[in-house]
Protein backbone atom coordinates (compact mmCIF):
# COMPACT_ATOMS: atom_id res chain seq x y z
CA MET A 1 6.19 8.36 -24.35
CA GLU A 2 4.21 5.54 -25.93
CA ASN A 3 6.18 2.99 -23.92
CA LEU A 4 5.47 4.75 -20.62
CA ARG A 5 1.78 5.30 -21.24
CA ASN A 6 1.24 1.58 -21.83
CA LYS A 7 3.33 0.42 -18.86
CA SER A 8 1.50 -0.52 -15.69
CA VAL A 9 1.56 1.97 -12.84
CA GLY A 10 2.81 -0.68 -10.41
CA GLU A 11 5.67 -1.71 -12.71
CA ILE A 12 6.89 1.88 -13.01
CA VAL A 13 6.88 2.36 -9.23
CA LYS A 14 8.57 -1.01 -8.75
CA LEU A 15 11.47 0.14 -10.93
CA ASP A 16 11.75 3.62 -9.39
CA PHE A 17 9.82 4.41 -6.23
CA ARG A 18 10.21 8.15 -6.84
CA ALA A 19 7.41 7.66 -9.37
CA ALA A 20 5.07 7.05 -6.40
CA ASP A 21 5.22 10.76 -5.59
CA VAL A 22 4.28 11.62 -9.17
CA PHE A 23 1.25 9.34 -9.12
CA SER A 24 0.19 10.39 -5.61
CA SER A 25 0.31 14.08 -6.54
CA HIS A 26 -2.21 13.38 -9.30
CA GLY A 27 -4.48 11.18 -7.17
CA ILE A 28 -3.47 7.98 -8.98
CA ASP A 29 -3.50 4.76 -6.96
CA PHE A 30 -0.19 2.93 -7.52
CA CYS A 31 -0.76 0.09 -5.04
CA CYS A 32 -4.20 -1.52 -5.34
CA GLY A 33 -4.69 0.08 -8.75
CA GLY A 34 -1.16 -0.64 -9.87
CA LYS A 35 -2.00 -3.26 -12.49
CA ILE A 36 -3.51 -0.84 -15.01
CA SER A 37 -1.60 1.23 -17.56
CA VAL A 38 -0.59 4.84 -17.03
CA ALA A 39 -2.96 5.84 -19.81
CA GLN A 40 -5.91 4.07 -18.16
CA ALA A 41 -5.02 5.38 -14.70
CA CYS A 42 -4.94 8.96 -16.01
CA ALA A 43 -8.25 8.46 -17.77
CA ASN A 44 -9.84 7.02 -14.62
CA SER A 45 -8.68 9.92 -12.44
CA GLY A 46 -9.31 12.64 -15.03
CA THR A 47 -5.64 13.59 -14.99
CA ASP A 48 -3.67 15.18 -17.83
CA GLU A 49 -1.79 12.17 -19.22
CA SER A 50 0.94 14.21 -20.93
CA LYS A 51 1.72 16.05 -17.70
CA VAL A 52 2.06 12.80 -15.75
CA ILE A 53 4.29 11.25 -18.40
CA ASN A 54 6.49 14.35 -18.57
CA GLU A 55 7.00 14.20 -14.81
CA LEU A 56 7.83 10.50 -14.99
CA GLU A 57 10.32 11.08 -17.80
CA ALA A 58 11.95 13.88 -15.79
CA LEU A 59 12.89 11.38 -13.08
CA GLN A 60 15.57 9.83 -15.30
CA TYR A 61 17.39 13.16 -15.39
CA ASN A 62 17.24 13.55 -11.64
CA THR A 63 20.41 12.15 -10.07
CA GLY A 64 18.75 11.79 -6.67
CA SER A 65 18.40 8.39 -5.07
CA ALA A 66 15.59 6.13 -6.24
CA ALA A 67 15.32 5.04 -2.57
CA HIS A 68 15.56 1.34 -1.80
CA ASP A 69 15.77 -1.03 -4.74
CA PHE A 70 13.00 -3.22 -3.33
CA ASP A 71 12.74 -5.26 -6.51
CA SER A 72 16.28 -6.60 -6.07
CA TRP A 73 15.72 -7.86 -2.51
CA LYS A 74 15.17 -11.52 -1.68
CA ILE A 75 11.55 -12.03 -0.72
CA ASP A 76 12.29 -13.37 2.76
CA PHE A 77 14.23 -10.17 3.49
CA LEU A 78 11.43 -8.09 1.98
CA SER A 79 8.90 -9.89 4.20
CA ASP A 80 10.95 -8.99 7.28
CA TYR A 81 11.25 -5.40 6.07
CA ILE A 82 7.48 -5.10 5.66
CA ILE A 83 6.90 -6.43 9.18
CA ASN A 84 9.60 -4.34 10.84
CA THR A 85 8.79 -1.14 8.98
CA HIS A 86 5.16 -1.06 7.88
CA HIS A 87 3.48 -3.47 10.29
CA GLN A 88 5.28 -1.78 13.17
CA TYR A 89 4.19 1.64 11.92
CA VAL A 90 0.53 0.59 11.63
CA SER A 91 0.58 -1.03 15.08
CA LYS A 92 1.94 2.17 16.66
CA ALA A 93 -0.08 4.66 14.61
CA ILE A 94 -3.52 3.15 15.21
CA PRO A 95 -3.54 3.76 19.02
CA GLN A 96 -2.43 7.33 18.33
CA ILE A 97 -5.04 8.10 15.67
CA LEU A 98 -8.11 6.40 17.18
CA PRO A 99 -8.42 8.76 20.19
CA LEU A 100 -7.91 11.74 17.88
CA THR A 101 -10.80 10.64 15.69
CA GLN A 102 -12.96 10.23 18.79
CA LYS A 103 -12.07 13.64 20.23
CA VAL A 104 -12.54 15.52 16.96
CA ALA A 105 -15.88 13.80 16.34
CA GLU A 106 -17.10 14.76 19.81
CA VAL A 107 -15.95 18.39 19.62
CA HIS A 108 -16.55 19.20 15.95
CA GLY A 109 -19.11 16.62 14.83
CA ALA A 110 -22.06 18.99 15.19
CA HIS A 111 -20.65 21.44 12.63
CA HIS A 112 -18.51 19.02 10.60
CA SER A 113 -20.53 15.83 10.32
CA GLU A 114 -17.87 14.25 8.08
CA VAL A 115 -15.54 13.74 11.06
CA VAL A 116 -18.06 11.35 12.66
CA VAL A 117 -17.99 9.23 9.51
CA ILE A 118 -14.19 9.49 9.43
CA LYS A 119 -14.06 8.16 12.99
CA ASP A 120 -16.17 5.14 12.10
CA LEU A 121 -14.29 4.44 8.87
CA PHE A 122 -10.88 4.62 10.51
CA ASN A 123 -12.03 2.32 13.29
CA GLN A 124 -13.16 -0.19 10.64
CA LEU A 125 -9.87 0.17 8.76
CA ALA A 126 -7.84 -0.27 11.95
CA ASN A 127 -9.62 -3.46 12.97
CA GLU A 128 -9.30 -4.99 9.51
CA LEU A 129 -5.62 -4.09 9.17
CA LEU A 130 -4.69 -5.56 12.55
CA MET A 131 -6.31 -8.89 11.65
CA HIS A 132 -4.81 -8.74 8.15
CA MET A 133 -1.27 -8.22 9.45
CA GLN A 134 -1.65 -11.04 11.95
CA LYS A 135 -2.57 -13.47 9.16
CA GLU A 136 0.46 -12.37 7.18
CA GLU A 137 2.83 -12.68 10.11
CA MET A 138 1.46 -16.03 11.34
CA VAL A 139 0.76 -17.82 8.05
CA LEU A 140 1.73 -16.21 4.75
CA PHE A 141 5.13 -14.71 5.48
CA PRO A 142 6.48 -17.81 7.29
CA TYR A 143 5.44 -19.85 4.25
CA ILE A 144 7.26 -17.44 1.97
CA LYS A 145 10.38 -17.95 4.08
CA LYS A 146 10.01 -21.72 3.74
CA LEU A 147 9.85 -21.30 -0.03
CA VAL A 148 13.14 -19.40 0.01
CA ALA A 149 14.70 -22.07 2.22
CA SER A 150 13.39 -24.80 -0.11
CA GLU A 151 14.91 -23.03 -3.10
CA ALA A 152 18.27 -22.95 -1.34
CA ALA A 153 17.99 -26.64 -0.43
CA GLY A 154 16.88 -27.60 -3.93
CA SER A 155 13.67 -29.31 -2.77
CA CYS A 156 10.46 -28.79 -0.79
CA ASN A 157 9.90 -31.64 1.65
CA ASP A 158 7.99 -29.66 4.25
CA PRO A 159 4.36 -30.88 4.53
CA SER A 160 3.22 -27.27 4.81
CA CYS A 161 4.02 -26.80 1.12
CA PHE A 162 0.35 -26.77 0.24
CA GLY A 163 0.71 -26.48 -3.51
CA SER A 164 -0.60 -23.00 -4.16
CA ILE A 165 0.27 -19.82 -2.37
CA ALA A 166 -2.02 -18.03 -4.82
CA SER A 167 -5.08 -18.73 -2.66
CA PRO A 168 -3.97 -16.92 0.54
CA ILE A 169 -2.42 -14.18 -1.59
CA SER A 170 -5.75 -13.67 -3.32
CA VAL A 171 -7.39 -13.18 0.09
CA MET A 172 -4.72 -10.65 1.11
CA GLU A 173 -5.18 -8.72 -2.14
CA GLN A 174 -8.95 -8.60 -1.63
CA GLU A 175 -8.38 -7.18 1.84
CA HIS A 176 -6.00 -4.62 0.34
CA GLU A 177 -8.78 -3.60 -2.04
CA THR A 178 -11.14 -3.08 0.91
CA ALA A 179 -8.53 -0.95 2.70
CA GLY A 180 -7.99 1.04 -0.49
CA ILE A 181 -11.71 1.80 -0.76
CA ILE A 182 -11.77 3.07 2.83
CA LEU A 183 -8.70 5.24 2.21
CA LYS A 184 -10.40 6.85 -0.77
CA GLN A 185 -13.46 7.58 1.35
CA LEU A 186 -11.28 9.14 4.06
CA TYR A 187 -9.48 11.25 1.46
CA ARG A 188 -12.75 12.49 -0.04
CA LEU A 189 -14.47 13.19 3.28
CA SER A 190 -11.46 15.13 4.58
CA ASN A 191 -11.06 17.17 1.38
CA GLY A 192 -7.64 15.64 0.80
CA TYR A 193 -6.81 15.89 4.52
CA THR A 194 -7.29 19.67 4.42
CA ALA A 195 -8.63 20.91 7.74
CA PRO A 196 -11.34 23.62 7.69
CA GLU A 197 -10.52 27.17 8.73
CA ASP A 198 -12.16 26.79 12.13
CA ALA A 199 -10.22 23.60 12.94
CA CYS A 200 -8.40 23.37 16.26
CA ASN A 201 -4.89 21.98 16.59
CA THR A 202 -6.18 18.48 17.39
CA PHE A 203 -8.30 18.56 14.23
CA ARG A 204 -5.24 19.54 12.16
CA VAL A 205 -3.04 16.92 13.83
CA LEU A 206 -5.64 14.26 13.03
CA TYR A 207 -5.67 15.10 9.34
CA GLY A 208 -1.87 15.18 9.27
CA LYS A 209 -1.74 11.75 10.90
CA LEU A 210 -4.31 10.36 8.48
CA LYS A 211 -2.28 11.64 5.53
CA GLU A 212 0.85 10.02 6.96
CA PHE A 213 -1.06 6.78 7.50
CA GLU A 214 -2.32 6.77 3.91
CA ASP A 215 1.17 7.41 2.51
CA ASP A 216 2.64 4.55 4.52
CA LEU A 217 -0.17 2.15 3.61
CA HIS A 218 0.20 2.93 -0.10
CA LEU A 219 3.88 1.90 0.00
CA HIS A 220 3.06 -1.07 2.25
CA VAL A 221 0.46 -2.44 -0.18
CA HIS A 222 2.62 -1.67 -3.22
CA LEU A 223 5.48 -3.76 -1.82
CA GLU A 224 3.15 -6.71 -1.29
CA ASN A 225 0.87 -6.52 -4.35
CA ASN A 226 3.44 -5.54 -6.95
CA ILE A 227 6.67 -7.13 -5.71
CA LEU A 228 6.38 -9.68 -2.88
CA PHE A 229 3.28 -11.59 -3.94
CA PRO A 230 4.11 -12.04 -7.66
CA LYS A 231 7.62 -13.19 -6.78
CA ALA A 232 6.35 -15.63 -4.14
CA ILE A 233 3.94 -17.20 -6.66
CA GLU A 234 6.72 -17.43 -9.25
CA LEU A 235 9.14 -19.03 -6.79
CA GLU A 236 6.60 -21.61 -5.62
CA GLN A 237 5.80 -22.59 -9.19
CA ALA A 238 9.50 -22.99 -9.97
CA ILE A 239 10.04 -25.21 -6.93
CA LEU A 240 7.04 -27.40 -7.65
CA VAL A 241 8.21 -27.98 -11.23
CA GLU A 242 11.62 -29.19 -10.09
């Protein structure tokens, strides 16, 4: 138990993604907040530490699949996976959710003022994510692929090898933090995406879509912050030393 409580949340999820469900069920952020220990994460969220650790320990006795072993993938393949799975999801989900936020705000805003704020927050999140993904697809991820190619070739002769990938990664992580803050606001305002008793079907669909969006974005950010980015920095440093 001592070992688990001092391990970082992100490291545990990296080794077994089933742990993400454990942390999510207790309101613990495993993506942007993944660098802190289980003990600290439980303290921050006011969660029973022993209960969380017991649930994490129970995973080792569960013979079910630990889903994809993302940590074993080459980072160029992982980059493609993130684009084809998570970027594609975000690009398709945003045009579906935006009109729902607008409609619910117009119909229910007078009696549920929180949905007006939710509309504005999601619009902000959508705009920031679309720009964020474009920067990754146009600049950062192609550079990561060049690093992998350079490793295979045994040298880095491309002039675009600018010496430190840490700088653009730092920007991406800061933008992840901003998205995480907005997600927490959406979660709080929507009472954990629980629609009120007088909610219409559109209202309920909106909250279901927002919950789905949050779940996807948590995995999306986890794959970048806790697996892709650290490995890209490590690979670049190894190549530059050679």
